[in-house]
Amino acid sequence: MGRKLIVIILMTWMSVSSMAQLPALNNTDNPRTKALNNYVYFINESIHGMLIVHRLLENFNLDINKYVDLESFQINFYSNKDLPKDIFDDPENWFYDTSPYEWYETIVKDNKSLSESESSKLLADATFLKNIIGDINQKRFEIEGLITDKDLTDTDQLQLVYDALESCVDLFESFYTGQKRLERSLYALNPSRGYYKTLEPVYRDFRSVLSALRQKEDKGIDILVRKFRSSVAAYNPTGGNTQRAIAFHQNNLVSQLNKATESINKYQANTPPPKEYEMYGIHYYYYNSDVINKFNRYGSGVVFEMNAILDIMNEDAPRFSEMPHYYKVIYPRKLERLKVLEGTQEPLASIPVSLEGRTIKKKEEGSIKVDAELIEVEVYDHMIQDGDIVSLNFNGEWVLKRHKLTSQPVNLRLKLNPEGKNYLILHAENLGQRPPNTMALSYRAGGKKRQYIMNSDFNTSELIEIITQ
């Protein structure tokens, strides 16, 4: 496919599906408000560029998996050679009216409207994000180079590619952490007011649902979804404004909210993802594709429509920020021993009390005590091999699903959260020949191999806490 055609298709995909003239971004007469909102638009345009790289990373991952034992799917149709050298600079304006780096320059220029202390803190947070997107852009070339230069039939060389992909997981998560830190500062200095307050409940409740999807928090998501539906039903799309341009974007907003509700309904009904996303799982697909497309601009989501309304109204008020995608590396089964497994990446304040309708019982006689954030554990059938089938949950994420235990250990590399709780839960899928299901778990700490025996049946799942010392 020719480069020019690729660019046209990409620009169509990333453009807003609207025939109306777009309003000027950050349209307000108050210099202080404008200076603060510059940061929001910098965040949003950075997220748009990260999406392009995110899709490249998915393709790189699926492409190298075919060297082992997984079918490869073409999720996207472009490669590095079809894109600018720096996605976030974009001097030819392929993807942005104003690129992330241009927004950063505007931040520096307009910061004179803020106090020195305000400017210093906000700029430091924005610079942190700018450095991350620069690293993300470089990773796409580094990984492509590894794929081109390495012998991918050699497991050790193939591991170098997986390690580079894993580093992108951390970069995407670091961006989100930095974004939330910057948002807290922004909204403390730029509180809710004007028509922003009318839109805010819908935005807040939609974002809460997305956050729960991102963190895989199925428990309690029904309550969040009900709140979101209530705020959508309560939103008055006219709000006393009769201006044609405003009405246009309000109608688009209502349309996207209705589509978002449909997507969330599919998630709640456990509708499986398309075949190309099956390996990623239901949370990844609905957060990163089906639902977030109704929230972020690319997909003509609600955030764009809300900000367009505020800009047309010339509102002296904050603007809404989008949510970044998160990235996940998929491993072939033959390379599962290489995989670094992660649970929910947000710090967990407490351990769960139930899982899929069963009571969770915390192991009383001990916990796994380690001195590193990356640990290896082995799981296997205890004593007599009697057909036990189990699932294993690590920090809210299934790291083994319907696995038949044998005397042959399965090795799992677990990346612990540096803050909050860490745990493993044994979940019985059958009772074997000699109930309850019994699993041995061993690990090394302080140079010694240690072992715990865990039990589970159809009423109770056992939890063991992991403590870093």
Protein backbone atom coordinates (compact mmCIF):
# COMPACT_ATOMS: atom_id res chain seq x y z
CA MET A 1 0.00 0.00 0.00
CA GLY A 2 1.44 3.39 -1.01
CA ARG A 3 2.57 5.83 1.65
CA LYS A 4 0.22 8.57 0.44
CA LEU A 5 -2.78 6.24 0.62
CA ILE A 6 -1.71 5.05 4.10
CA VAL A 7 -1.59 8.63 5.31
CA ILE A 8 -5.02 9.41 3.85
CA ILE A 9 -6.54 6.35 5.54
CA LEU A 10 -4.85 7.12 8.85
CA MET A 11 -5.99 10.73 8.78
CA THR A 12 -9.54 9.59 8.02
CA TRP A 13 -9.40 7.08 10.90
CA MET A 14 -8.07 9.70 13.31
CA SER A 15 -10.28 12.54 12.18
CA VAL A 16 -13.53 13.57 13.79
CA SER A 17 -16.56 12.25 11.94
CA SER A 18 -18.10 15.68 11.58
CA MET A 19 -18.87 17.93 8.64
CA ALA A 20 -19.07 21.01 10.85
CA GLN A 21 -16.18 23.44 11.11
CA LEU A 22 -14.18 22.60 14.23
CA PRO A 23 -14.00 25.30 16.89
CA ALA A 24 -10.70 26.86 17.85
CA LEU A 25 -9.15 24.79 20.62
CA ASN A 26 -8.86 26.40 24.05
CA ASN A 27 -11.14 29.28 23.14
CA THR A 28 -11.45 31.50 26.23
CA ASP A 29 -10.66 35.15 26.95
CA ASN A 30 -9.16 34.55 30.40
CA PRO A 31 -5.34 34.23 30.02
CA ARG A 32 -5.02 32.24 33.24
CA THR A 33 -7.69 29.72 32.25
CA LYS A 34 -6.14 29.45 28.78
CA ALA A 35 -2.71 28.78 30.30
CA LEU A 36 -4.10 25.99 32.48
CA ASN A 37 -6.12 24.44 29.67
CA ASN A 38 -3.03 24.30 27.46
CA TYR A 39 -1.94 21.41 29.68
CA VAL A 40 -5.18 19.53 29.04
CA TYR A 41 -4.79 19.79 25.28
CA PHE A 42 -1.15 18.72 25.58
CA ILE A 43 -2.33 15.60 27.44
CA ASN A 44 -5.05 14.86 24.89
CA GLU A 45 -2.88 15.22 21.81
CA SER A 46 -0.15 13.12 23.46
CA ILE A 47 -2.74 10.38 23.99
CA HIS A 48 -3.67 10.57 20.31
CA GLY A 49 -0.05 10.00 19.28
CA MET A 50 0.32 7.18 21.82
CA LEU A 51 -2.61 5.41 20.17
CA ILE A 52 -0.72 5.21 16.87
CA VAL A 53 2.33 3.71 18.57
CA HIS A 54 0.08 1.40 20.64
CA ARG A 55 -1.32 -0.13 17.46
CA LEU A 56 2.20 -0.59 16.08
CA LEU A 57 3.25 -2.39 19.25
CA GLU A 58 0.28 -4.75 18.99
CA ASN A 59 1.31 -5.63 15.45
CA PHE A 60 4.96 -6.14 16.43
CA ASN A 61 3.86 -8.46 19.25
CA LEU A 62 1.51 -10.54 17.13
CA ASP A 63 4.02 -10.69 14.30
CA ILE A 64 6.81 -12.22 16.42
CA ASN A 65 4.43 -14.71 18.03
CA LYS A 66 4.17 -16.52 14.70
CA TYR A 67 7.80 -17.57 15.17
CA VAL A 68 6.65 -19.78 18.02
CA ASP A 69 3.15 -21.24 17.97
CA LEU A 70 0.48 -18.56 17.65
CA GLU A 71 -1.52 -17.48 14.64
CA SER A 72 -0.66 -13.91 13.64
CA PHE A 73 -3.42 -11.33 13.14
CA GLN A 74 -3.02 -8.03 11.30
CA ILE A 75 -4.79 -5.61 13.63
CA ASN A 76 -3.45 -2.57 11.78
CA PHE A 77 -2.27 -1.81 8.28
CA TYR A 78 0.66 0.59 8.71
CA SER A 79 4.29 0.41 9.81
CA ASN A 80 7.08 2.79 10.82
CA LYS A 81 7.96 3.60 7.23
CA ASP A 82 4.46 4.99 6.71
CA LEU A 83 4.70 7.40 9.65
CA PRO A 84 6.61 10.57 10.56
CA LYS A 85 9.99 10.15 12.26
CA ASP A 86 8.45 11.55 15.42
CA ILE A 87 4.74 10.89 15.89
CA PHE A 88 4.51 13.63 18.51
CA ASP A 89 6.28 16.36 16.51
CA ASP A 90 4.54 15.91 13.14
CA PRO A 91 5.87 19.02 11.30
CA GLU A 92 3.75 18.19 8.23
CA ASN A 93 0.56 18.09 10.35
CA TRP A 94 -0.47 14.61 9.32
CA PHE A 95 -2.43 13.91 12.48
CA TYR A 96 -2.84 17.15 14.43
CA ASP A 97 -3.81 20.75 13.93
CA THR A 98 -1.45 21.36 16.85
CA SER A 99 1.00 18.60 17.78
CA PRO A 100 1.84 17.61 21.37
CA TYR A 101 5.23 19.29 21.11
CA GLU A 102 3.60 22.48 19.82
CA TRP A 103 1.21 22.43 22.76
CA TYR A 104 4.22 22.05 25.04
CA GLU A 105 5.79 25.15 23.48
CA THR A 106 2.49 26.99 24.00
CA ILE A 107 2.53 25.91 27.65
CA VAL A 108 5.98 27.44 28.12
CA LYS A 109 4.96 30.65 26.34
CA ASP A 110 1.66 31.16 28.22
CA ASN A 111 2.93 30.17 31.66
CA LYS A 112 3.59 33.84 32.37
CA SER A 113 -0.11 34.06 33.26
CA LEU A 114 0.51 31.77 36.24
CA SER A 115 2.45 32.35 39.43
CA GLU A 116 6.04 31.16 39.52
CA SER A 117 5.26 28.34 41.94
CA GLU A 118 2.24 27.19 39.90
CA SER A 119 4.17 27.36 36.65
CA SER A 120 7.17 25.48 38.03
CA LYS A 121 5.16 22.52 39.35
CA LEU A 122 2.88 22.17 36.33
CA LEU A 123 5.74 22.49 33.85
CA ALA A 124 7.74 19.81 35.67
CA ASP A 125 4.80 17.40 35.38
CA ALA A 126 4.28 18.24 31.70
CA THR A 127 7.99 17.77 31.01
CA PHE A 128 7.78 14.34 32.64
CA LEU A 129 5.01 13.40 30.19
CA LYS A 130 6.90 14.89 27.25
CA ASN A 131 9.94 12.76 28.07
CA ILE A 132 7.77 9.64 28.23
CA ILE A 133 6.18 10.19 24.81
CA GLY A 134 9.67 10.80 23.43
CA ASP A 135 10.75 7.43 24.83
CA ILE A 136 7.62 5.77 23.43
CA ASN A 137 8.39 7.14 19.97
CA GLN A 138 11.97 5.79 20.13
CA LYS A 139 10.74 2.36 21.21
CA ARG A 140 8.92 1.80 17.93
CA PHE A 141 12.23 2.02 16.05
CA GLU A 142 14.17 0.04 18.66
CA ILE A 143 11.70 -2.86 18.51
CA GLU A 144 11.50 -2.81 14.72
CA GLY A 145 15.30 -2.95 14.62
CA LEU A 146 15.38 -5.95 16.95
CA ILE A 147 12.80 -7.78 14.83
CA THR A 148 14.81 -7.05 11.67
CA ASP A 149 18.28 -7.82 13.03
CA LYS A 150 17.77 -10.72 15.43
CA ASP A 151 17.34 -14.42 14.71
CA LEU A 152 13.80 -14.84 16.02
CA THR A 153 14.04 -18.62 15.85
CA ASP A 154 16.56 -18.33 18.72
CA THR A 155 14.71 -18.16 22.04
CA ASP A 156 17.29 -15.91 23.72
CA GLN A 157 17.21 -13.38 20.88
CA LEU A 158 13.44 -13.52 20.70
CA GLN A 159 13.36 -12.74 24.42
CA LEU A 160 15.12 -9.42 23.70
CA VAL A 161 12.11 -8.36 21.62
CA TYR A 162 9.65 -9.39 24.32
CA ASP A 163 11.70 -7.49 26.91
CA ALA A 164 11.58 -4.35 24.75
CA LEU A 165 7.82 -4.74 24.38
CA GLU A 166 7.49 -5.18 28.16
CA SER A 167 9.31 -1.88 28.69
CA CYS A 168 6.50 -0.21 26.74
CA VAL A 169 3.98 -1.56 29.27
CA ASP A 170 5.78 0.47 31.92
CA LEU A 171 6.00 3.58 29.72
CA PHE A 172 2.26 3.63 29.02
CA GLU A 173 1.50 3.10 32.70
CA SER A 174 3.98 5.81 33.73
CA PHE A 175 2.27 8.26 31.40
CA TYR A 176 -1.10 7.59 33.04
CA THR A 177 0.39 7.99 36.51
CA GLY A 178 1.97 11.30 35.50
CA GLN A 179 -1.24 12.43 33.80
CA LYS A 180 -3.28 11.89 36.96
CA ARG A 181 -0.72 13.81 38.99
CA LEU A 182 -0.89 16.73 36.57
CA GLU A 183 -4.70 16.63 36.49
CA ARG A 184 -4.93 16.89 40.26
CA SER A 185 -2.83 20.05 40.19
CA LEU A 186 -4.75 21.54 37.25
CA TYR A 187 -8.21 21.09 38.68
CA ALA A 188 -7.14 22.41 42.08
CA LEU A 189 -6.14 25.64 40.31
CA ASN A 190 -8.99 25.63 37.77
CA PRO A 191 -12.17 24.50 39.59
CA SER A 192 -15.43 23.45 37.97
CA ARG A 193 -17.72 26.30 36.87
CA GLY A 194 -20.07 27.47 34.13
CA TYR A 195 -21.39 24.97 31.59
CA TYR A 196 -18.51 22.66 32.53
CA LYS A 197 -20.50 21.83 35.68
CA THR A 198 -23.43 20.68 33.53
CA LEU A 199 -21.21 18.29 31.57
CA GLU A 200 -19.08 17.17 34.49
CA PRO A 201 -21.35 14.41 35.96
CA VAL A 202 -21.53 12.58 32.62
CA TYR A 203 -17.77 12.86 32.14
CA ARG A 204 -16.98 11.81 35.71
CA ASP A 205 -19.24 8.76 35.67
CA PHE A 206 -18.10 7.62 32.22
CA ARG A 207 -14.47 7.92 33.29
CA SER A 208 -15.20 5.93 36.46
CA VAL A 209 -16.52 3.05 34.34
CA LEU A 210 -13.45 3.22 32.11
CA SER A 211 -11.16 3.25 35.16
CA ALA A 212 -12.84 0.12 36.51
CA LEU A 213 -12.36 -1.60 33.14
CA ARG A 214 -8.72 -0.57 33.05
CA GLN A 215 -8.13 -1.90 36.58
CA LYS A 216 -10.25 -5.03 35.91
CA GLU A 217 -12.46 -4.20 38.88
CA ASP A 218 -15.55 -6.26 38.07
CA LYS A 219 -16.70 -6.03 41.66
CA GLY A 220 -18.67 -2.80 41.96
CA ILE A 221 -18.71 -1.95 38.26
CA ASP A 222 -22.48 -2.49 38.10
CA ILE A 223 -22.94 0.39 40.55
CA LEU A 224 -20.68 2.63 38.43
CA VAL A 225 -22.58 1.72 35.27
CA ARG A 226 -25.91 2.57 36.90
CA LYS A 227 -24.54 5.97 37.96
CA PHE A 228 -23.33 6.58 34.42
CA ARG A 229 -26.71 5.72 32.93
CA SER A 230 -28.42 8.00 35.43
CA SER A 231 -26.14 10.93 34.57
CA VAL A 232 -26.71 10.35 30.85
CA ALA A 233 -30.48 10.31 31.39
CA ALA A 234 -30.28 13.51 33.46
CA TYR A 235 -28.22 15.44 30.91
CA ASN A 236 -30.25 18.09 29.08
CA PRO A 237 -28.76 18.34 25.55
CA THR A 238 -30.17 21.80 24.92
CA GLY A 239 -29.42 23.44 28.24
CA GLY A 240 -31.01 26.65 26.99
CA ASN A 241 -28.49 26.99 24.13
CA THR A 242 -30.01 27.39 20.67
CA GLN A 243 -26.86 28.19 18.68
CA ARG A 244 -26.68 25.80 15.74
CA ALA A 245 -23.00 24.83 16.22
CA ILE A 246 -23.57 24.08 19.89
CA ALA A 247 -26.67 22.02 19.13
CA PHE A 248 -24.68 20.05 16.54
CA HIS A 249 -22.06 18.98 19.07
CA GLN A 250 -24.65 18.35 21.77
CA ASN A 251 -26.47 15.97 19.43
CA ASN A 252 -23.16 14.25 18.66
CA LEU A 253 -22.48 14.01 22.39
CA VAL A 254 -25.81 12.31 23.07
CA SER A 255 -25.21 9.93 20.15
CA GLN A 256 -21.79 8.92 21.49
CA LEU A 257 -23.15 8.46 25.01
CA ASN A 258 -25.82 6.12 23.67
CA LYS A 259 -23.18 4.16 21.74
CA ALA A 260 -21.02 3.99 24.86
CA THR A 261 -23.95 2.58 26.81
CA GLU A 262 -24.40 -0.13 24.14
CA SER A 263 -20.72 -1.07 24.36
CA ILE A 264 -20.82 -1.24 28.15
CA ASN A 265 -23.94 -3.43 27.91
CA LYS A 266 -21.98 -5.85 25.70
CA TYR A 267 -19.19 -5.97 28.25
CA GLN A 268 -21.62 -6.66 31.10
CA ALA A 269 -23.18 -9.45 29.02
CA ASN A 270 -19.69 -11.00 28.61
CA THR A 271 -19.88 -10.64 24.84
CA PRO A 272 -16.53 -12.05 23.64
CA PRO A 273 -14.09 -9.80 21.79
CA PRO A 274 -13.35 -10.24 18.06
CA LYS A 275 -11.02 -13.10 17.15
CA GLU A 276 -7.98 -10.84 16.77
CA TYR A 277 -8.43 -9.67 20.38
CA GLU A 278 -9.29 -13.00 22.01
CA MET A 279 -5.75 -13.47 23.34
CA TYR A 280 -5.84 -10.05 25.01
CA GLY A 281 -8.97 -10.75 27.01
CA ILE A 282 -12.28 -9.01 27.57
CA HIS A 283 -11.03 -6.12 29.76
CA TYR A 284 -8.28 -5.16 27.33
CA TYR A 285 -10.58 -5.19 24.32
CA TYR A 286 -13.46 -3.23 25.85
CA TYR A 287 -11.21 -0.66 27.51
CA ASN A 288 -8.68 -0.21 24.70
CA SER A 289 -11.04 -0.46 21.74
CA ASP A 290 -14.79 -0.71 22.02
CA VAL A 291 -15.56 1.64 24.94
CA ILE A 292 -12.68 4.12 24.89
CA ASN A 293 -13.46 4.95 21.25
CA LYS A 294 -16.64 6.60 22.51
CA PHE A 295 -14.69 8.58 25.13
CA ASN A 296 -11.56 9.81 23.37
CA ARG A 297 -11.50 12.06 20.31
CA TYR A 298 -10.39 9.40 17.82
CA GLY A 299 -13.68 7.70 17.51
CA SER A 300 -15.27 11.18 17.80
CA GLY A 301 -15.82 10.56 21.49
CA VAL A 302 -17.58 12.49 24.19
CA VAL A 303 -14.50 14.39 25.41
CA PHE A 304 -14.04 16.03 22.02
CA GLU A 305 -17.73 16.97 21.86
CA MET A 306 -17.71 18.39 25.39
CA ASN A 307 -14.62 20.49 24.75
CA ALA A 308 -16.03 21.66 21.41
CA ILE A 309 -19.17 22.90 23.17
CA LEU A 310 -17.11 24.75 25.78
CA ASP A 311 -14.88 26.31 23.12
CA ILE A 312 -17.81 27.50 20.98
CA MET A 313 -19.35 29.02 24.11
CA ASN A 314 -16.01 30.71 24.89
CA GLU A 315 -16.35 29.31 28.41
CA ASP A 316 -14.00 30.53 31.11
CA ALA A 317 -13.80 27.02 32.54
CA PRO A 318 -11.58 23.92 32.54
CA ARG A 319 -11.49 21.48 29.64
CA PHE A 320 -11.85 17.71 29.83
CA SER A 321 -8.94 15.30 29.44
CA GLU A 322 -8.96 11.91 27.76
CA MET A 323 -7.70 8.56 29.04
CA PRO A 324 -4.67 6.78 27.58
CA HIS A 325 -4.67 3.21 26.35
CA TYR A 326 -2.74 0.64 28.30
CA TYR A 327 -0.47 -1.92 26.69
CA LYS A 328 -0.13 -5.65 27.27
CA VAL A 329 2.31 -8.19 25.82
CA ILE A 330 0.90 -11.49 24.54
CA TYR A 331 3.10 -14.60 24.75
CA PRO A 332 2.79 -17.92 22.91
CA ARG A 333 2.16 -20.91 25.15
CA LYS A 334 5.61 -22.33 24.46
CA LEU A 335 7.13 -19.14 25.86
CA GLU A 336 4.89 -18.75 28.90
CA ARG A 337 7.92 -19.35 31.12
CA LEU A 338 9.40 -16.09 29.76
CA LYS A 339 6.35 -14.02 30.49
CA VAL A 340 6.33 -11.46 33.28
CA LEU A 341 2.82 -11.63 34.73
CA GLU A 342 1.13 -8.57 36.19
CA GLY A 343 -2.10 -8.12 38.07
CA THR A 344 -4.02 -4.90 38.53
CA GLN A 345 -1.39 -2.18 38.27
CA GLU A 346 -3.15 0.26 40.56
CA PRO A 347 -2.08 -0.13 44.24
CA LEU A 348 -4.50 -2.42 46.10
CA ALA A 349 -5.50 -1.08 49.51
CA SER A 350 -7.01 -4.37 50.69
CA ILE A 351 -7.37 -8.00 49.74
CA PRO A 352 -10.70 -9.19 48.28
CA VAL A 353 -13.29 -11.03 50.34
CA SER A 354 -14.98 -12.88 47.47
CA LEU A 355 -14.26 -14.01 43.92
CA GLU A 356 -16.84 -15.12 41.38
CA GLY A 357 -19.40 -15.87 44.08
CA ARG A 358 -17.04 -17.76 46.40
CA THR A 359 -15.72 -16.72 49.80
CA ILE A 360 -12.02 -15.98 49.94
CA LYS A 361 -10.20 -17.46 52.90
CA LYS A 362 -6.79 -15.99 53.69
CA LYS A 363 -4.11 -18.55 54.45
CA GLU A 364 -3.57 -18.37 58.20
CA GLU A 365 -0.23 -20.04 58.75
CA GLY A 366 1.96 -17.90 56.55
CA SER A 367 2.63 -15.60 53.64
CA ILE A 368 5.14 -15.41 50.82
CA LYS A 369 7.92 -13.09 51.98
CA VAL A 370 10.38 -11.83 49.36
CA ASP A 371 12.89 -9.03 48.91
CA ALA A 372 12.30 -8.19 45.22
CA GLU A 373 9.45 -6.90 43.10
CA LEU A 374 9.93 -9.66 40.51
CA ILE A 375 9.53 -13.19 41.88
CA GLU A 376 9.26 -16.69 40.44
CA VAL A 377 6.89 -19.30 41.82
CA GLU A 378 6.24 -22.90 40.82
CA VAL A 379 2.83 -24.53 41.09
CA TYR A 380 2.11 -28.26 40.82
CA ASP A 381 -0.13 -31.01 42.19
CA HIS A 382 0.52 -31.88 45.82
CA MET A 383 1.50 -35.51 46.46
CA ILE A 384 -0.98 -37.62 44.44
CA GLN A 385 -1.84 -36.49 40.92
CA ASP A 386 -5.64 -36.77 40.93
CA GLY A 387 -6.91 -34.57 38.08
CA ASP A 388 -7.23 -31.24 39.92
CA ILE A 389 -8.10 -28.37 37.55
CA VAL A 390 -7.50 -24.90 38.94
CA SER A 391 -7.31 -21.24 38.04
CA LEU A 392 -4.86 -18.85 39.70
CA ASN A 393 -5.59 -15.16 40.27
CA PHE A 394 -2.74 -12.70 40.86
CA ASN A 395 -3.73 -9.23 42.09
CA GLY A 396 -7.07 -9.37 40.28
CA GLU A 397 -5.80 -10.91 37.03
CA TRP A 398 -6.11 -14.55 35.97
CA VAL A 399 -2.58 -15.82 35.32
CA LEU A 400 -3.64 -19.46 34.99
CA LYS A 401 -7.08 -20.45 33.73
CA ARG A 402 -8.51 -23.99 33.96
CA HIS A 403 -5.05 -25.52 34.31
CA LYS A 404 -4.75 -29.24 35.05
CA LEU A 405 -2.21 -29.73 37.83
CA THR A 406 0.43 -32.43 37.38
CA SER A 407 3.66 -33.29 39.14
CA GLN A 408 5.45 -31.18 36.51
CA PRO A 409 5.80 -27.63 37.93
CA VAL A 410 4.55 -24.59 36.03
CA ASN A 411 6.86 -21.60 36.45
CA LEU A 412 5.29 -18.14 36.86
CA ARG A 413 7.21 -14.84 36.95
CA LEU A 414 5.18 -12.31 38.91
CA LYS A 415 5.74 -8.55 38.94
CA LEU A 416 4.60 -7.23 42.32
CA ASN A 417 3.06 -3.83 42.91
CA PRO A 418 5.62 -1.78 44.84
CA GLU A 419 2.81 -0.27 46.95
CA GLY A 420 -0.34 -1.77 48.42
CA LYS A 421 -1.29 -5.44 48.65
CA ASN A 422 -0.09 -8.38 46.55
CA TYR A 423 -1.72 -11.81 46.61
CA LEU A 424 -2.42 -15.11 44.85
CA ILE A 425 -5.80 -16.85 44.96
CA LEU A 426 -6.35 -20.55 44.23
CA HIS A 427 -9.72 -21.12 42.54
CA ALA A 428 -10.97 -24.70 42.04
CA GLU A 429 -12.47 -25.55 38.64
CA ASN A 430 -13.25 -29.13 39.66
CA LEU A 431 -12.74 -31.26 42.78
CA GLY A 432 -10.50 -33.92 41.28
CA GLN A 433 -10.69 -37.47 42.57
CA ARG A 434 -9.89 -36.49 46.17
CA PRO A 435 -11.52 -33.17 47.22
CA PRO A 436 -10.65 -30.48 47.94
CA ASN A 437 -8.32 -29.30 45.17
CA THR A 438 -4.79 -29.13 46.55
CA MET A 439 -1.92 -27.25 44.97
CA ALA A 440 1.71 -26.96 46.03
CA LEU A 441 3.36 -23.58 45.58
CA SER A 442 7.10 -23.13 45.97
CA TYR A 443 9.47 -20.17 45.67
CA ARG A 444 12.96 -19.12 46.69
CA ALA A 445 13.78 -16.40 49.20
CA GLY A 446 17.00 -15.77 51.08
CA GLY A 447 18.67 -18.60 49.18
CA LYS A 448 16.17 -21.17 50.46
CA LYS A 449 13.32 -22.94 48.69
CA ARG A 450 10.01 -22.64 50.53
CA GLN A 451 6.71 -24.38 49.93
CA TYR A 452 3.06 -23.79 50.82
CA ILE A 453 0.06 -26.05 50.25
CA MET A 454 -3.12 -24.32 49.17
CA ASN A 455 -6.67 -25.71 49.06
CA SER A 456 -9.90 -24.73 47.30
CA ASP A 457 -13.38 -26.13 46.70
CA PHE A 458 -16.61 -24.84 45.14
CA ASN A 459 -17.43 -22.71 48.20
CA THR A 460 -14.06 -21.28 49.21
CA SER A 461 -10.97 -20.02 47.38
CA GLU A 462 -7.74 -19.72 49.37
CA LEU A 463 -5.60 -16.58 49.26
CA ILE A 464 -1.95 -16.21 50.17
CA GLU A 465 -0.50 -12.75 50.62
CA ILE A 466 2.87 -11.78 49.14
CA ILE A 467 4.90 -9.40 51.30
CA THR A 468 8.04 -7.55 50.23
CA GLN A 469 10.56 -7.05 53.01
